[in-house]
Protein backbone atom coordinates (compact mmCIF):
# COMPACT_ATOMS: atom_id res chain seq x y z
CA UNK A 1 0.00 0.00 0.00
CA UNK A 2 2.83 2.39 0.92
CA UNK A 3 4.64 1.71 -2.33
CA UNK A 4 1.42 2.52 -4.28
CA UNK A 5 1.01 5.83 -2.44
CA UNK A 6 4.68 6.66 -3.06
CA UNK A 7 4.24 5.85 -6.78
CA UNK A 8 1.10 8.05 -7.01
CA UNK A 9 2.85 10.94 -5.22
CA UNK A 10 5.89 10.48 -7.47
CA UNK A 11 3.68 10.59 -10.60
CA UNK A 12 1.87 13.69 -9.34
CA UNK A 13 5.18 15.44 -8.57
CA UNK A 14 6.55 14.38 -11.97
CA UNK A 15 3.43 15.70 -13.77
CA UNK A 16 3.64 18.98 -11.83
CA UNK A 17 7.34 19.34 -12.70
CA UNK A 18 6.59 18.66 -16.39
CA UNK A 19 3.74 21.20 -16.40
CA UNK A 20 5.95 23.80 -14.65
CA UNK A 21 8.85 23.21 -17.06
CA UNK A 22 6.52 23.41 -20.09
CA UNK A 23 5.08 26.69 -18.77
CA UNK A 24 8.57 28.04 -18.02
CA UNK A 25 9.75 26.99 -21.49
CA UNK A 26 6.78 28.83 -23.06
CA UNK A 27 7.52 32.01 -21.03
CA UNK A 28 11.22 31.92 -22.01
CA UNK A 29 10.32 31.30 -25.68
CA UNK A 30 7.98 34.33 -25.65
CA UNK A 31 10.71 36.47 -24.05
CA UNK A 32 13.22 35.31 -26.66
CA UNK A 33 10.74 36.08 -29.45
CA UNK A 34 10.09 39.57 -28.03
CA UNK A 35 13.81 40.26 -27.61
CA UNK A 36 14.59 39.09 -31.14
CA UNK A 37 11.81 41.26 -32.61
CA UNK A 38 13.02 44.26 -30.59
CA UNK A 39 16.66 43.81 -31.70
CA UNK A 40 15.54 43.51 -35.35
CA UNK A 41 13.37 46.62 -34.92
CA UNK A 42 16.30 48.64 -33.53
CA UNK A 43 18.52 47.47 -36.42
CA UNK A 44 15.91 48.44 -39.02
CA UNK A 45 15.33 51.80 -37.26
CA UNK A 46 18.96 52.74 -38.01
CA UNK A 47 18.77 51.47 -41.58
CA UNK A 48 18.09 53.61 -44.66
CA UNK A 49 14.82 51.78 -45.42
CA UNK A 50 12.44 54.19 -43.70
CA UNK A 51 9.30 52.91 -45.47
CA UNK A 52 9.01 49.83 -43.31
CA UNK A 53 9.53 49.04 -39.65
CA UNK A 54 9.25 46.09 -37.30
CA UNK A 55 7.06 46.48 -34.22
CA UNK A 56 9.01 46.17 -30.98
CA UNK A 57 7.55 43.88 -28.34
CA UNK A 58 7.86 45.09 -24.76
CA UNK A 59 5.74 44.75 -21.66
CA UNK A 60 4.93 47.90 -19.71
CA UNK A 61 7.42 47.11 -16.92
CA UNK A 62 10.29 46.70 -19.39
CA UNK A 63 9.26 49.95 -21.04
CA UNK A 64 9.17 51.78 -17.70
CA UNK A 65 12.67 50.56 -16.82
CA UNK A 66 14.06 51.34 -20.29
CA UNK A 67 16.83 53.95 -20.49
CA UNK A 68 15.77 54.92 -24.03
CA UNK A 69 14.70 58.59 -24.01
CA UNK A 70 12.04 58.04 -26.70
CA UNK A 71 10.44 55.23 -24.68
CA UNK A 72 10.42 57.42 -21.57
CA UNK A 73 8.87 60.35 -23.50
CA UNK A 74 6.13 58.09 -24.94
CA UNK A 75 5.17 56.93 -21.44
CA UNK A 76 5.28 60.53 -20.15
CA UNK A 77 2.90 61.67 -22.91
CA UNK A 78 0.54 58.79 -22.08
CA UNK A 79 0.51 59.93 -18.43
CA UNK A 80 -0.04 63.58 -19.47
CA UNK A 81 -3.12 62.47 -21.42
CA UNK A 82 -4.39 60.53 -18.34
CA UNK A 83 -4.07 57.13 -20.03
CA UNK A 84 -3.58 54.28 -17.57
CA UNK A 85 -0.55 52.10 -18.29
CA UNK A 86 -2.58 48.86 -18.09
CA UNK A 87 -4.92 50.18 -20.82
CA UNK A 88 -2.12 50.96 -23.32
CA UNK A 89 -2.11 48.64 -26.34
CA UNK A 90 0.68 50.23 -28.36
CA UNK A 91 2.94 53.28 -28.45
CA UNK A 92 4.33 54.80 -31.63
CA UNK A 93 6.89 57.51 -32.36
CA UNK A 94 7.75 59.25 -35.63
CA UNK A 95 10.28 61.98 -36.37
CA UNK A 96 9.27 63.70 -39.60
CA UNK A 97 11.33 66.08 -41.73
CA UNK A 98 9.76 68.15 -44.51
CA UNK A 99 11.94 70.28 -46.79
CA UNK A 100 11.45 72.26 -49.98
CA UNK A 101 13.76 74.51 -52.00
CA UNK A 102 12.77 77.06 -54.65
CA UNK A 103 14.87 79.43 -56.77
CA UNK A 104 13.37 82.30 -58.75
CA UNK A 105 15.16 84.24 -61.50
CA UNK A 106 13.33 87.49 -62.33
CA UNK A 107 13.77 88.91 -65.87
CA UNK A 108 14.51 92.40 -64.64
CA UNK A 109 17.38 93.41 -62.45
CA UNK A 110 16.02 93.82 -58.94
CA UNK A 111 19.25 94.54 -57.03
CA UNK A 112 21.34 97.64 -57.87
CA UNK A 113 24.68 96.78 -56.26
CA UNK A 114 26.73 94.33 -58.38
CA UNK A 115 28.38 92.84 -55.26
CA UNK A 116 25.06 92.29 -53.50
CA UNK A 117 24.68 88.88 -51.86
CA UNK A 118 22.42 88.23 -48.86
CA UNK A 119 22.26 84.92 -47.04
CA UNK A 120 20.10 84.79 -43.94
CA UNK A 121 18.41 82.13 -41.88
CA UNK A 122 15.28 82.28 -39.70
CA UNK A 123 15.02 79.24 -37.45
CA UNK A 124 13.74 77.69 -34.27
CA UNK A 125 13.54 74.10 -33.00
CA UNK A 126 10.79 73.14 -35.43
CA UNK A 127 11.41 75.20 -38.58
CA UNK A 128 14.27 76.64 -40.58
CA UNK A 129 14.03 79.03 -43.53
CA UNK A 130 17.13 79.99 -45.55
CA UNK A 131 16.87 83.06 -47.79
CA UNK A 132 19.47 83.71 -50.48
CA UNK A 133 19.42 86.93 -52.56
CA UNK A 134 22.03 87.68 -55.24
CA UNK A 135 22.65 90.34 -57.89
CA UNK A 136 21.11 90.79 -60.43
CA UNK A 137 17.86 88.82 -60.05
CA UNK A 138 18.27 85.60 -58.03
CA UNK A 139 16.00 84.75 -55.08
CA UNK A 140 16.29 81.33 -53.42
CA UNK A 141 14.24 80.08 -50.47
CA UNK A 142 14.76 76.81 -48.67
CA UNK A 143 12.35 75.71 -45.93
CA UNK A 144 12.64 72.79 -43.56
CA UNK A 145 10.26 71.57 -40.85
CA UNK A 146 10.68 68.90 -38.18
CA UNK A 147 7.87 67.21 -36.29
CA UNK A 148 7.85 64.65 -33.52
CA UNK A 149 4.65 62.62 -33.53
CA UNK A 150 3.56 60.36 -30.66
CA UNK A 151 0.69 57.90 -31.17
CA UNK A 152 -0.85 56.09 -28.18
CA UNK A 153 -3.37 53.30 -28.71
CA UNK A 154 -5.36 52.29 -25.64
CA UNK A 155 -8.64 50.63 -24.70
CA UNK A 156 -11.52 52.29 -22.90
CA UNK A 157 -14.80 50.97 -21.49
CA UNK A 158 -17.80 53.12 -22.44
CA UNK A 159 -21.54 52.59 -21.93
CA UNK A 160 -23.54 51.34 -24.90
CA UNK A 161 -26.40 53.71 -24.01
CA UNK A 162 -25.75 57.10 -22.49
CA UNK A 163 -27.66 57.69 -19.25
CA UNK A 164 -28.24 61.05 -17.61
CA UNK A 165 -28.66 59.81 -14.05
CA UNK A 166 -25.67 58.42 -12.20
CA UNK A 167 -27.41 55.33 -10.72
CA UNK A 168 -28.52 53.78 -14.04
CA UNK A 169 -25.04 54.59 -15.40
CA UNK A 170 -23.47 52.22 -12.85
CA UNK A 171 -25.52 49.27 -14.11
CA UNK A 172 -25.60 49.97 -17.85
CA UNK A 173 -23.76 47.57 -20.17
CA UNK A 174 -20.39 48.71 -21.47
CA UNK A 175 -18.30 47.82 -24.47
CA UNK A 176 -14.57 48.25 -25.12
CA UNK A 177 -13.43 50.79 -27.69
CA UNK A 178 -9.91 51.35 -28.98
CA UNK A 179 -8.88 54.97 -28.54
CA UNK A 180 -5.98 56.61 -30.44
CA UNK A 181 -4.24 59.71 -29.09
CA UNK A 182 -1.98 61.56 -31.54
CA UNK A 183 0.33 64.27 -30.18
CA UNK A 184 2.28 66.48 -32.60
CA UNK A 185 5.07 68.30 -30.77
CA UNK A 186 5.53 70.88 -33.54
CA UNK A 187 3.20 73.83 -32.79
CA UNK A 188 3.01 74.68 -36.52
CA UNK A 189 1.50 71.29 -37.41
CA UNK A 190 -2.28 70.94 -37.42
CA UNK A 191 -3.88 67.58 -38.21
CA UNK A 192 -6.93 68.26 -40.33
CA UNK A 193 -8.29 64.72 -40.54
CA UNK A 194 -7.34 61.27 -39.33
CA UNK A 195 -8.85 57.79 -39.51
CA UNK A 196 -7.88 54.53 -37.85
CA UNK A 197 -9.42 51.18 -38.81
CA UNK A 198 -9.15 48.00 -36.78
CA UNK A 199 -9.55 44.83 -38.82
CA UNK A 200 -11.75 42.43 -36.86
CA UNK A 201 -11.93 38.68 -37.48
C-alpha atoms as a PDB file:
ATOM      1  CA  UNK A   1       0.000   0.000   0.000  1.00  0.00           C
ATOM      2  CA  UNK A   2       2.830   2.395   0.924  1.00  0.00           C
ATOM      3  CA  UNK A   3       4.638   1.713  -2.334  1.00  0.00           C
ATOM      4  CA  UNK A   4       1.421   2.519  -4.281  1.00  0.00           C
ATOM      5  CA  UNK A   5       1.008   5.828  -2.436  1.00  0.00           C
ATOM      6  CA  UNK A   6       4.675   6.662  -3.056  1.00  0.00           C
ATOM      7  CA  UNK A   7       4.235   5.851  -6.776  1.00  0.00           C
ATOM      8  CA  UNK A   8       1.100   8.047  -7.007  1.00  0.00           C
ATOM      9  CA  UNK A   9       2.845  10.942  -5.220  1.00  0.00           C
ATOM     10  CA  UNK A  10       5.894  10.477  -7.474  1.00  0.00           C
ATOM     11  CA  UNK A  11       3.685  10.586 -10.603  1.00  0.00           C
ATOM     12  CA  UNK A  12       1.868  13.693  -9.342  1.00  0.00           C
ATOM     13  CA  UNK A  13       5.184  15.436  -8.574  1.00  0.00           C
ATOM     14  CA  UNK A  14       6.546  14.376 -11.969  1.00  0.00           C
ATOM     15  CA  UNK A  15       3.433  15.701 -13.767  1.00  0.00           C
ATOM     16  CA  UNK A  16       3.640  18.981 -11.827  1.00  0.00           C
ATOM     17  CA  UNK A  17       7.339  19.344 -12.703  1.00  0.00           C
ATOM     18  CA  UNK A  18       6.590  18.657 -16.395  1.00  0.00           C
ATOM     19  CA  UNK A  19       3.737  21.199 -16.402  1.00  0.00           C
ATOM     20  CA  UNK A  20       5.947  23.797 -14.655  1.00  0.00           C
ATOM     21  CA  UNK A  21       8.851  23.212 -17.058  1.00  0.00           C
ATOM     22  CA  UNK A  22       6.521  23.411 -20.087  1.00  0.00           C
ATOM     23  CA  UNK A  23       5.077  26.686 -18.775  1.00  0.00           C
ATOM     24  CA  UNK A  24       8.571  28.035 -18.025  1.00  0.00           C
ATOM     25  CA  UNK A  25       9.749  26.991 -21.495  1.00  0.00           C
ATOM     26  CA  UNK A  26       6.784  28.825 -23.060  1.00  0.00           C
ATOM     27  CA  UNK A  27       7.519  32.008 -21.034  1.00  0.00           C
ATOM     28  CA  UNK A  28      11.215  31.921 -22.009  1.00  0.00           C
ATOM     29  CA  UNK A  29      10.322  31.301 -25.676  1.00  0.00           C
ATOM     30  CA  UNK A  30       7.977  34.333 -25.647  1.00  0.00           C
ATOM     31  CA  UNK A  31      10.711  36.475 -24.053  1.00  0.00           C
ATOM     32  CA  UNK A  32      13.216  35.315 -26.659  1.00  0.00           C
ATOM     33  CA  UNK A  33      10.742  36.076 -29.448  1.00  0.00           C
ATOM     34  CA  UNK A  34      10.093  39.568 -28.032  1.00  0.00           C
ATOM     35  CA  UNK A  35      13.811  40.259 -27.608  1.00  0.00           C
ATOM     36  CA  UNK A  36      14.590  39.090 -31.144  1.00  0.00           C
ATOM     37  CA  UNK A  37      11.807  41.257 -32.607  1.00  0.00           C
ATOM     38  CA  UNK A  38      13.025  44.264 -30.592  1.00  0.00           C
ATOM     39  CA  UNK A  39      16.661  43.815 -31.704  1.00  0.00           C
ATOM     40  CA  UNK A  40      15.542  43.506 -35.349  1.00  0.00           C
ATOM     41  CA  UNK A  41      13.369  46.620 -34.922  1.00  0.00           C
ATOM     42  CA  UNK A  42      16.303  48.641 -33.531  1.00  0.00           C
ATOM     43  CA  UNK A  43      18.516  47.471 -36.419  1.00  0.00           C
ATOM     44  CA  UNK A  44      15.910  48.441 -39.016  1.00  0.00           C
ATOM     45  CA  UNK A  45      15.333  51.797 -37.262  1.00  0.00           C
ATOM     46  CA  UNK A  46      18.963  52.736 -38.008  1.00  0.00           C
ATOM     47  CA  UNK A  47      18.769  51.475 -41.582  1.00  0.00           C
ATOM     48  CA  UNK A  48      18.093  53.613 -44.660  1.00  0.00           C
ATOM     49  CA  UNK A  49      14.819  51.782 -45.422  1.00  0.00           C
ATOM     50  CA  UNK A  50      12.442  54.192 -43.699  1.00  0.00           C
ATOM     51  CA  UNK A  51       9.300  52.906 -45.472  1.00  0.00           C
ATOM     52  CA  UNK A  52       9.005  49.826 -43.306  1.00  0.00           C
ATOM     53  CA  UNK A  53       9.526  49.039 -39.653  1.00  0.00           C
ATOM     54  CA  UNK A  54       9.253  46.092 -37.296  1.00  0.00           C
ATOM     55  CA  UNK A  55       7.059  46.481 -34.219  1.00  0.00           C
ATOM     56  CA  UNK A  56       9.014  46.172 -30.979  1.00  0.00           C
ATOM     57  CA  UNK A  57       7.552  43.877 -28.341  1.00  0.00           C
ATOM     58  CA  UNK A  58       7.864  45.088 -24.765  1.00  0.00           C
ATOM     59  CA  UNK A  59       5.743  44.747 -21.661  1.00  0.00           C
ATOM     60  CA  UNK A  60       4.927  47.904 -19.715  1.00  0.00           C
ATOM     61  CA  UNK A  61       7.424  47.113 -16.924  1.00  0.00           C
ATOM     62  CA  UNK A  62      10.291  46.698 -19.391  1.00  0.00           C
ATOM     63  CA  UNK A  63       9.260  49.954 -21.042  1.00  0.00           C
ATOM     64  CA  UNK A  64       9.166  51.784 -17.695  1.00  0.00           C
ATOM     65  CA  UNK A  65      12.667  50.559 -16.820  1.00  0.00           C
ATOM     66  CA  UNK A  66      14.058  51.337 -20.288  1.00  0.00           C
ATOM     67  CA  UNK A  67      16.831  53.948 -20.494  1.00  0.00           C
ATOM     68  CA  UNK A  68      15.775  54.924 -24.032  1.00  0.00           C
ATOM     69  CA  UNK A  69      14.696  58.593 -24.010  1.00  0.00           C
ATOM     70  CA  UNK A  70      12.041  58.039 -26.701  1.00  0.00           C
ATOM     71  CA  UNK A  71      10.441  55.229 -24.677  1.00  0.00           C
ATOM     72  CA  UNK A  72      10.423  57.419 -21.566  1.00  0.00           C
ATOM     73  CA  UNK A  73       8.873  60.346 -23.499  1.00  0.00           C
ATOM     74  CA  UNK A  74       6.129  58.089 -24.938  1.00  0.00           C
ATOM     75  CA  UNK A  75       5.169  56.929 -21.440  1.00  0.00           C
ATOM     76  CA  UNK A  76       5.283  60.527 -20.148  1.00  0.00           C
ATOM     77  CA  UNK A  77       2.897  61.666 -22.906  1.00  0.00           C
ATOM     78  CA  UNK A  78       0.536  58.795 -22.084  1.00  0.00           C
ATOM     79  CA  UNK A  79       0.514  59.928 -18.433  1.00  0.00           C
ATOM     80  CA  UNK A  80      -0.043  63.579 -19.467  1.00  0.00           C
ATOM     81  CA  UNK A  81      -3.121  62.467 -21.419  1.00  0.00           C
ATOM     82  CA  UNK A  82      -4.394  60.535 -18.341  1.00  0.00           C
ATOM     83  CA  UNK A  83      -4.075  57.131 -20.031  1.00  0.00           C
ATOM     84  CA  UNK A  84      -3.585  54.284 -17.572  1.00  0.00           C
ATOM     85  CA  UNK A  85      -0.550  52.101 -18.290  1.00  0.00           C
ATOM     86  CA  UNK A  86      -2.576  48.865 -18.088  1.00  0.00           C
ATOM     87  CA  UNK A  87      -4.918  50.181 -20.824  1.00  0.00           C
ATOM     88  CA  UNK A  88      -2.124  50.956 -23.315  1.00  0.00           C
ATOM     89  CA  UNK A  89      -2.105  48.635 -26.338  1.00  0.00           C
ATOM     90  CA  UNK A  90       0.677  50.229 -28.355  1.00  0.00           C
ATOM     91  CA  UNK A  91       2.940  53.277 -28.450  1.00  0.00           C
ATOM     92  CA  UNK A  92       4.326  54.804 -31.630  1.00  0.00           C
ATOM     93  CA  UNK A  93       6.892  57.510 -32.364  1.00  0.00           C
ATOM     94  CA  UNK A  94       7.750  59.245 -35.634  1.00  0.00           C
ATOM     95  CA  UNK A  95      10.280  61.976 -36.372  1.00  0.00           C
ATOM     96  CA  UNK A  96       9.273  63.699 -39.596  1.00  0.00           C
ATOM     97  CA  UNK A  97      11.329  66.077 -41.732  1.00  0.00           C
ATOM     98  CA  UNK A  98       9.762  68.153 -44.511  1.00  0.00           C
ATOM     99  CA  UNK A  99      11.938  70.282 -46.789  1.00  0.00           C
ATOM    100  CA  UNK A 100      11.449  72.263 -49.982  1.00  0.00           C
ATOM    101  CA  UNK A 101      13.756  74.513 -51.997  1.00  0.00           C
ATOM    102  CA  UNK A 102      12.774  77.061 -54.655  1.00  0.00           C
ATOM    103  CA  UNK A 103      14.872  79.425 -56.769  1.00  0.00           C
ATOM    104  CA  UNK A 104      13.374  82.303 -58.747  1.00  0.00           C
ATOM    105  CA  UNK A 105      15.157  84.243 -61.504  1.00  0.00           C
ATOM    106  CA  UNK A 106      13.334  87.488 -62.331  1.00  0.00           C
ATOM    107  CA  UNK A 107      13.771  88.906 -65.868  1.00  0.00           C
ATOM    108  CA  UNK A 108      14.508  92.399 -64.639  1.00  0.00           C
ATOM    109  CA  UNK A 109      17.385  93.412 -62.448  1.00  0.00           C
ATOM    110  CA  UNK A 110      16.022  93.822 -58.944  1.00  0.00           C
ATOM    111  CA  UNK A 111      19.246  94.539 -57.033  1.00  0.00           C
ATOM    112  CA  UNK A 112      21.336  97.638 -57.874  1.00  0.00           C
ATOM    113  CA  UNK A 113      24.678  96.777 -56.258  1.00  0.00           C
ATOM    114  CA  UNK A 114      26.731  94.330 -58.383  1.00  0.00           C
ATOM    115  CA  UNK A 115      28.384  92.845 -55.263  1.00  0.00           C
ATOM    116  CA  UNK A 116      25.062  92.289 -53.500  1.00  0.00           C
ATOM    117  CA  UNK A 117      24.683  88.876 -51.861  1.00  0.00           C
ATOM    118  CA  UNK A 118      22.419  88.226 -48.860  1.00  0.00           C
ATOM    119  CA  UNK A 119      22.262  84.917 -47.040  1.00  0.00           C
ATOM    120  CA  UNK A 120      20.105  84.790 -43.937  1.00  0.00           C
ATOM    121  CA  UNK A 121      18.410  82.130 -41.877  1.00  0.00           C
ATOM    122  CA  UNK A 122      15.282  82.275 -39.701  1.00  0.00           C
ATOM    123  CA  UNK A 123      15.020  79.238 -37.452  1.00  0.00           C
ATOM    124  CA  UNK A 124      13.736  77.693 -34.269  1.00  0.00           C
ATOM    125  CA  UNK A 125      13.544  74.102 -32.996  1.00  0.00           C
ATOM    126  CA  UNK A 126      10.785  73.145 -35.433  1.00  0.00           C
ATOM    127  CA  UNK A 127      11.413  75.197 -38.583  1.00  0.00           C
ATOM    128  CA  UNK A 128      14.268  76.639 -40.577  1.00  0.00           C
ATOM    129  CA  UNK A 129      14.034  79.031 -43.533  1.00  0.00           C
ATOM    130  CA  UNK A 130      17.130  79.993 -45.549  1.00  0.00           C
ATOM    131  CA  UNK A 131      16.866  83.063 -47.787  1.00  0.00           C
ATOM    132  CA  UNK A 132      19.473  83.714 -50.484  1.00  0.00           C
ATOM    133  CA  UNK A 133      19.421  86.933 -52.558  1.00  0.00           C
ATOM    134  CA  UNK A 134      22.035  87.682 -55.240  1.00  0.00           C
ATOM    135  CA  UNK A 135      22.651  90.336 -57.892  1.00  0.00           C
ATOM    136  CA  UNK A 136      21.110  90.792 -60.435  1.00  0.00           C
ATOM    137  CA  UNK A 137      17.863  88.815 -60.048  1.00  0.00           C
ATOM    138  CA  UNK A 138      18.273  85.602 -58.027  1.00  0.00           C
ATOM    139  CA  UNK A 139      16.001  84.748 -55.082  1.00  0.00           C
ATOM    140  CA  UNK A 140      16.290  81.334 -53.423  1.00  0.00           C
ATOM    141  CA  UNK A 141      14.242  80.082 -50.472  1.00  0.00           C
ATOM    142  CA  UNK A 142      14.755  76.813 -48.669  1.00  0.00           C
ATOM    143  CA  UNK A 143      12.352  75.713 -45.935  1.00  0.00           C
ATOM    144  CA  UNK A 144      12.638  72.788 -43.563  1.00  0.00           C
ATOM    145  CA  UNK A 145      10.264  71.566 -40.847  1.00  0.00           C
ATOM    146  CA  UNK A 146      10.676  68.896 -38.177  1.00  0.00           C
ATOM    147  CA  UNK A 147       7.869  67.209 -36.290  1.00  0.00           C
ATOM    148  CA  UNK A 148       7.852  64.649 -33.516  1.00  0.00           C
ATOM    149  CA  UNK A 149       4.649  62.616 -33.526  1.00  0.00           C
ATOM    150  CA  UNK A 150       3.560  60.363 -30.657  1.00  0.00           C
ATOM    151  CA  UNK A 151       0.687  57.897 -31.171  1.00  0.00           C
ATOM    152  CA  UNK A 152      -0.846  56.093 -28.181  1.00  0.00           C
ATOM    153  CA  UNK A 153      -3.373  53.296 -28.711  1.00  0.00           C
ATOM    154  CA  UNK A 154      -5.362  52.287 -25.640  1.00  0.00           C
ATOM    155  CA  UNK A 155      -8.638  50.627 -24.697  1.00  0.00           C
ATOM    156  CA  UNK A 156     -11.521  52.289 -22.901  1.00  0.00           C
ATOM    157  CA  UNK A 157     -14.802  50.974 -21.486  1.00  0.00           C
ATOM    158  CA  UNK A 158     -17.805  53.120 -22.443  1.00  0.00           C
ATOM    159  CA  UNK A 159     -21.544  52.590 -21.928  1.00  0.00           C
ATOM    160  CA  UNK A 160     -23.540  51.339 -24.902  1.00  0.00           C
ATOM    161  CA  UNK A 161     -26.401  53.708 -24.011  1.00  0.00           C
ATOM    162  CA  UNK A 162     -25.749  57.105 -22.488  1.00  0.00           C
ATOM    163  CA  UNK A 163     -27.664  57.689 -19.248  1.00  0.00           C
ATOM    164  CA  UNK A 164     -28.242  61.052 -17.608  1.00  0.00           C
ATOM    165  CA  UNK A 165     -28.661  59.805 -14.052  1.00  0.00           C
ATOM    166  CA  UNK A 166     -25.670  58.415 -12.201  1.00  0.00           C
ATOM    167  CA  UNK A 167     -27.407  55.335 -10.716  1.00  0.00           C
ATOM    168  CA  UNK A 168     -28.516  53.783 -14.044  1.00  0.00           C
ATOM    169  CA  UNK A 169     -25.035  54.591 -15.402  1.00  0.00           C
ATOM    170  CA  UNK A 170     -23.472  52.222 -12.854  1.00  0.00           C
ATOM    171  CA  UNK A 171     -25.521  49.272 -14.111  1.00  0.00           C
ATOM    172  CA  UNK A 172     -25.603  49.966 -17.852  1.00  0.00           C
ATOM    173  CA  UNK A 173     -23.758  47.571 -20.167  1.00  0.00           C
ATOM    174  CA  UNK A 174     -20.386  48.714 -21.468  1.00  0.00           C
ATOM    175  CA  UNK A 175     -18.295  47.820 -24.472  1.00  0.00           C
ATOM    176  CA  UNK A 176     -14.575  48.248 -25.115  1.00  0.00           C
ATOM    177  CA  UNK A 177     -13.428  50.787 -27.685  1.00  0.00           C
ATOM    178  CA  UNK A 178      -9.912  51.345 -28.976  1.00  0.00           C
ATOM    179  CA  UNK A 179      -8.877  54.973 -28.543  1.00  0.00           C
ATOM    180  CA  UNK A 180      -5.984  56.611 -30.437  1.00  0.00           C
ATOM    181  CA  UNK A 181      -4.242  59.713 -29.085  1.00  0.00           C
ATOM    182  CA  UNK A 182      -1.982  61.563 -31.545  1.00  0.00           C
ATOM    183  CA  UNK A 183       0.327  64.266 -30.182  1.00  0.00           C
ATOM    184  CA  UNK A 184       2.277  66.484 -32.602  1.00  0.00           C
ATOM    185  CA  UNK A 185       5.068  68.300 -30.766  1.00  0.00           C
ATOM    186  CA  UNK A 186       5.526  70.875 -33.539  1.00  0.00           C
ATOM    187  CA  UNK A 187       3.205  73.834 -32.791  1.00  0.00           C
ATOM    188  CA  UNK A 188       3.011  74.675 -36.519  1.00  0.00           C
ATOM    189  CA  UNK A 189       1.496  71.293 -37.412  1.00  0.00           C
ATOM    190  CA  UNK A 190      -2.275  70.936 -37.423  1.00  0.00           C
ATOM    191  CA  UNK A 191      -3.875  67.577 -38.205  1.00  0.00           C
ATOM    192  CA  UNK A 192      -6.932  68.264 -40.333  1.00  0.00           C
ATOM    193  CA  UNK A 193      -8.287  64.719 -40.538  1.00  0.00           C
ATOM    194  CA  UNK A 194      -7.342  61.271 -39.331  1.00  0.00           C
ATOM    195  CA  UNK A 195      -8.846  57.794 -39.507  1.00  0.00           C
ATOM    196  CA  UNK A 196      -7.879  54.525 -37.853  1.00  0.00           C
ATOM    197  CA  UNK A 197      -9.421  51.181 -38.813  1.00  0.00           C
ATOM    198  CA  UNK A 198      -9.153  47.998 -36.780  1.00  0.00           C
ATOM    199  CA  UNK A 199      -9.549  44.825 -38.823  1.00  0.00           C
ATOM    200  CA  UNK A 200     -11.753  42.428 -36.863  1.00  0.00           C
ATOM    201  CA  UNK A 201     -11.930  38.681 -37.482  1.00  0.00           C
END
